């Protein structure tokens, strides 16, 4: 009951909007600060790693905690730390909401909205845990009330799962941002970053994602793993040519 659900990547429905894959590709995805944007995006993902690590590390301790009040207080602290990390992620991408690159604005907006919604869910869950703690302290934590508590918490996890799908879809669109406008109608294999910039992006990804070496989305991946795998696919595959290697 006290273990967070794994947030699985759902591949279905992640269709790239046609406006960014047609004759308007150059118009909607001009080569403007794409390296900086990708670097900011990957930096934001490192805070998702912090959230994952926090819950993976603390969940077993909470599950077997002898004193429920201490477990609940630890959960409340983790939710507060999650919100701090989510706000950092939001800030990393929020500065691109006015970018002259429409696709970049779309990606940034998806992340900003998803993280803001997750912060709101975390705030609701904190209130839920605080009420449950109050019932425990008052000796009123009956079985029916515990069932209601578990149902409410499960509903919040489902909400997070939906928001996390938005984050994975944003990562898929990030790979489209990295494609250079010089590809005719979006068709081609030229990236808008140099070989050196490309390696710097991979180094930054490796600094927190070296345990995820897969390419592309696969069923059963967690949100962060799926995001890392999507980025690896375009940065590591030799079919993609850096802009200075033409």
Protein backbone atom coordinates (compact mmCIF):
# COMPACT_ATOMS: atom_id res chain seq x y z
CA UNK A 1 0.00 0.00 0.00
CA UNK A 2 2.83 2.37 0.73
CA UNK A 3 4.87 1.57 -2.37
CA UNK A 4 4.44 3.94 -5.27
CA UNK A 5 3.19 2.39 -8.48
CA UNK A 6 5.66 2.10 -11.31
CA UNK A 7 4.81 4.63 -13.98
CA UNK A 8 4.90 2.65 -17.20
CA UNK A 9 5.46 4.19 -20.59
CA UNK A 10 2.53 3.81 -22.94
CA UNK A 11 3.66 3.99 -26.54
CA UNK A 12 0.24 4.14 -28.17
CA UNK A 13 -1.05 7.57 -29.14
CA UNK A 14 2.35 9.23 -29.34
CA UNK A 15 1.85 10.49 -32.86
CA UNK A 16 3.91 13.47 -33.95
CA UNK A 17 1.56 16.29 -35.00
CA UNK A 18 1.38 16.50 -38.78
CA UNK A 19 2.13 20.23 -38.71
CA UNK A 20 5.68 19.38 -37.70
CA UNK A 21 6.21 16.62 -40.24
CA UNK A 22 4.95 18.29 -43.42
CA UNK A 23 6.03 21.07 -45.77
CA UNK A 24 5.93 23.47 -42.80
CA UNK A 25 8.83 21.71 -41.07
CA UNK A 26 11.32 24.53 -41.65
CA UNK A 27 8.78 27.14 -40.56
CA UNK A 28 7.83 25.30 -37.37
CA UNK A 29 11.28 24.06 -36.41
CA UNK A 30 13.94 26.63 -37.36
CA UNK A 31 17.51 26.02 -36.17
CA UNK A 32 17.46 28.40 -33.21
CA UNK A 33 19.33 27.53 -30.00
CA UNK A 34 18.59 23.84 -30.38
CA UNK A 35 21.69 22.69 -28.52
CA UNK A 36 20.91 24.96 -25.58
CA UNK A 37 17.33 23.70 -25.52
CA UNK A 38 18.37 20.03 -25.59
CA UNK A 39 20.93 20.67 -22.86
CA UNK A 40 18.26 22.30 -20.68
CA UNK A 41 15.88 19.42 -21.33
CA UNK A 42 18.44 16.79 -20.37
CA UNK A 43 19.38 18.79 -17.27
CA UNK A 44 15.69 18.81 -16.32
CA UNK A 45 15.57 15.02 -16.71
CA UNK A 46 18.33 14.71 -14.11
CA UNK A 47 15.84 16.01 -11.54
CA UNK A 48 13.42 13.28 -12.59
CA UNK A 49 16.20 10.87 -11.73
CA UNK A 50 16.39 12.42 -8.26
CA UNK A 51 12.66 11.82 -7.80
CA UNK A 52 12.96 8.21 -8.97
CA UNK A 53 15.96 7.53 -6.77
CA UNK A 54 14.28 9.04 -3.73
CA UNK A 55 11.24 6.77 -3.94
CA UNK A 56 13.15 3.66 -4.95
CA UNK A 57 15.49 4.14 -1.99
CA UNK A 58 12.90 5.08 0.62
CA UNK A 59 9.94 2.89 -0.34
CA UNK A 60 11.21 -0.36 1.27
CA UNK A 61 12.04 1.50 4.47
CA UNK A 62 8.56 2.98 4.59
CA UNK A 63 6.87 -0.31 3.82
CA UNK A 64 8.50 -2.09 6.78
CA UNK A 65 8.53 0.86 9.16
CA UNK A 66 7.30 -0.18 12.61
CA UNK A 67 6.02 3.29 13.43
CA UNK A 68 3.45 4.45 10.89
CA UNK A 69 3.68 8.08 11.97
CA UNK A 70 7.38 8.20 11.09
CA UNK A 71 6.70 6.54 7.74
CA UNK A 72 4.00 9.07 6.94
CA UNK A 73 6.21 11.99 7.90
CA UNK A 74 8.96 10.61 5.65
CA UNK A 75 6.44 10.33 2.82
CA UNK A 76 5.35 13.94 3.34
CA UNK A 77 8.98 15.05 3.21
CA UNK A 78 9.56 13.12 -0.01
CA UNK A 79 6.48 14.69 -1.61
CA UNK A 80 7.78 18.15 -0.69
CA UNK A 81 11.18 17.32 -2.18
CA UNK A 82 9.46 15.99 -5.30
CA UNK A 83 7.67 19.29 -5.71
CA UNK A 84 10.93 21.20 -5.38
CA UNK A 85 12.47 19.06 -8.15
CA UNK A 86 9.37 19.38 -10.33
CA UNK A 87 9.53 23.17 -10.04
CA UNK A 88 13.16 23.10 -11.11
CA UNK A 89 12.17 21.01 -14.16
CA UNK A 90 9.42 23.52 -14.92
CA UNK A 91 11.88 26.42 -14.68
CA UNK A 92 14.39 24.75 -17.00
CA UNK A 93 11.79 24.54 -19.77
CA UNK A 94 9.67 27.55 -18.90
CA UNK A 95 12.26 29.96 -20.28
CA UNK A 96 11.58 28.56 -23.76
CA UNK A 97 7.85 29.30 -23.80
CA UNK A 98 8.55 32.40 -25.89
CA UNK A 99 11.06 30.75 -28.22
CA UNK A 100 10.82 31.71 -31.91
CA UNK A 101 10.83 27.96 -32.62
CA UNK A 102 7.15 26.81 -32.46
CA UNK A 103 8.02 23.15 -31.88
CA UNK A 104 10.33 24.13 -29.05
CA UNK A 105 7.51 26.15 -27.50
CA UNK A 106 5.23 23.12 -27.78
CA UNK A 107 7.70 20.83 -26.01
CA UNK A 108 8.35 23.38 -23.27
CA UNK A 109 4.62 23.93 -22.77
CA UNK A 110 3.93 20.22 -22.44
CA UNK A 111 6.58 19.87 -19.74
CA UNK A 112 5.51 23.01 -17.86
CA UNK A 113 1.87 21.90 -17.79
CA UNK A 114 2.65 18.29 -16.83
CA UNK A 115 4.98 19.27 -13.98
CA UNK A 116 2.55 21.90 -12.67
CA UNK A 117 -0.19 19.27 -12.58
CA UNK A 118 2.07 16.79 -10.78
CA UNK A 119 2.89 19.43 -8.18
CA UNK A 120 -0.84 19.92 -7.61
CA UNK A 121 -1.40 16.16 -7.25
CA UNK A 122 1.48 15.95 -4.77
CA UNK A 123 -0.07 18.75 -2.73
CA UNK A 124 -3.37 16.87 -2.69
CA UNK A 125 -1.59 13.69 -1.63
CA UNK A 126 0.17 15.51 1.19
CA UNK A 127 -3.22 16.60 2.50
CA UNK A 128 -4.48 13.03 2.15
CA UNK A 129 -1.58 11.64 4.18
CA UNK A 130 -1.94 14.36 6.82
CA UNK A 131 -5.62 13.51 7.28
CA UNK A 132 -4.76 9.81 7.51
CA UNK A 133 -2.09 10.55 10.11
CA UNK A 134 -4.65 12.53 12.09
CA UNK A 135 -7.00 9.54 12.10
CA UNK A 136 -4.19 7.24 13.26
CA UNK A 137 -3.22 9.56 16.09
CA UNK A 138 -6.86 9.91 17.13
CA UNK A 139 -7.36 6.14 17.05
CA UNK A 140 -10.01 6.48 14.33
CA UNK A 141 -8.20 4.68 11.48
CA UNK A 142 -10.90 2.09 10.84
CA UNK A 143 -10.73 -0.45 8.03
CA UNK A 144 -13.39 1.32 5.90
CA UNK A 145 -11.51 4.61 6.22
CA UNK A 146 -8.28 2.86 5.28
CA UNK A 147 -9.95 1.50 2.13
CA UNK A 148 -11.11 5.02 1.23
CA UNK A 149 -7.58 6.30 1.81
CA UNK A 150 -6.03 3.64 -0.44
CA UNK A 151 -8.59 4.31 -3.19
CA UNK A 152 -7.86 8.04 -3.09
CA UNK A 153 -4.13 7.46 -3.22
CA UNK A 154 -4.51 5.07 -6.14
CA UNK A 155 -6.52 7.68 -8.02
CA UNK A 156 -3.69 10.15 -7.59
CA UNK A 157 -1.19 7.65 -8.94
CA UNK A 158 -3.34 7.23 -12.04
CA UNK A 159 -3.31 10.99 -12.53
CA UNK A 160 0.48 11.04 -12.30
CA UNK A 161 0.64 8.25 -14.84
CA UNK A 162 -1.29 10.36 -17.34
CA UNK A 163 0.93 13.39 -16.76
CA UNK A 164 4.04 11.26 -17.11
CA UNK A 165 2.83 10.07 -20.52
CA UNK A 166 2.79 13.74 -21.52
CA UNK A 167 6.41 14.04 -20.41
CA UNK A 168 7.43 11.06 -22.54
CA UNK A 169 5.59 12.51 -25.52
CA UNK A 170 7.43 15.79 -24.95
CA UNK A 171 10.71 13.85 -25.12
CA UNK A 172 9.63 12.28 -28.40
CA UNK A 173 9.01 15.78 -29.76
CA UNK A 174 12.40 16.90 -28.42
CA UNK A 175 14.03 14.49 -30.87
CA UNK A 176 12.16 16.31 -33.66
CA UNK A 177 13.53 19.61 -32.38
CA UNK A 178 17.04 18.24 -32.79
CA UNK A 179 16.48 17.59 -36.50
CA UNK A 180 17.86 20.41 -38.61
CA UNK A 181 15.57 22.63 -40.67
CA UNK A 182 17.92 21.91 -43.58
CA UNK A 183 16.26 18.51 -44.03
CA UNK A 184 13.72 18.97 -46.83
CA UNK A 185 10.19 18.82 -45.38
CA UNK A 186 11.58 17.14 -42.30
CA UNK A 187 12.91 14.21 -44.33
CA UNK A 188 16.61 13.53 -43.89
CA UNK A 189 19.12 12.66 -41.19
CA UNK A 190 20.86 15.94 -40.43
CA UNK A 191 20.90 17.08 -36.82
CA UNK A 192 21.06 20.74 -35.79
CA UNK A 193 23.99 20.19 -33.41
CA UNK A 194 27.71 19.76 -34.04
CA UNK A 195 29.57 16.54 -33.25
CA UNK A 196 31.08 18.19 -30.18
CA UNK A 197 27.70 19.45 -28.95
CA UNK A 198 26.21 16.03 -29.57
CA UNK A 199 28.87 14.39 -27.41
CA UNK A 200 28.32 16.96 -24.67
CA UNK A 201 24.63 16.10 -24.64
CA UNK A 202 25.45 12.40 -24.36
CA UNK A 203 27.93 13.07 -21.57
CA UNK A 204 25.28 15.00 -19.66
CA UNK A 205 22.80 12.17 -20.21
CA UNK A 206 25.37 9.60 -19.05
CA UNK A 207 26.00 11.56 -15.86
CA UNK A 208 22.65 10.34 -14.50
CA UNK A 209 21.32 7.88 -17.08
CA UNK A 210 24.22 5.50 -17.66
CA UNK A 211 22.13 2.59 -16.40
CA UNK A 212 19.68 3.02 -19.29
CA UNK A 213 21.44 2.07 -22.51
CA UNK A 214 18.44 0.97 -24.56
CA UNK A 215 17.28 2.83 -27.65
CA UNK A 216 13.66 3.84 -28.15
CA UNK A 217 10.43 3.27 -26.27
CA UNK A 218 9.53 -0.22 -25.09
CA UNK A 219 6.58 -1.60 -23.12
CA UNK A 220 7.24 -1.76 -19.40
CA UNK A 221 9.72 1.09 -19.22
CA UNK A 222 9.34 3.66 -16.52
CA UNK A 223 8.90 7.27 -17.55
CA UNK A 224 12.49 8.33 -17.04
CA UNK A 225 13.90 5.20 -18.67
CA UNK A 226 11.71 5.75 -21.72
CA UNK A 227 12.77 9.38 -22.01
CA UNK A 228 16.47 8.52 -21.79
CA UNK A 229 16.07 5.74 -24.36
CA UNK A 230 14.33 8.08 -26.81
CA UNK A 231 17.13 10.64 -26.60
CA UNK A 232 19.84 7.99 -26.89
CA UNK A 233 18.32 6.71 -30.10
CA UNK A 234 18.81 9.97 -31.97
CA UNK A 235 22.14 10.96 -30.40
CA UNK A 236 23.87 7.57 -30.64
CA UNK A 237 22.60 6.22 -33.94
CA UNK A 238 25.19 6.86 -36.69
CA UNK A 239 22.42 7.29 -39.24
CA UNK A 240 21.96 10.76 -37.77
CA UNK A 241 24.63 13.16 -39.04
CA UNK A 242 25.90 16.12 -37.02
CA UNK A 243 25.58 19.43 -38.81
CA UNK A 244 29.34 19.89 -39.13
CA UNK A 245 29.88 16.38 -40.59
CA UNK A 246 28.15 16.93 -43.93
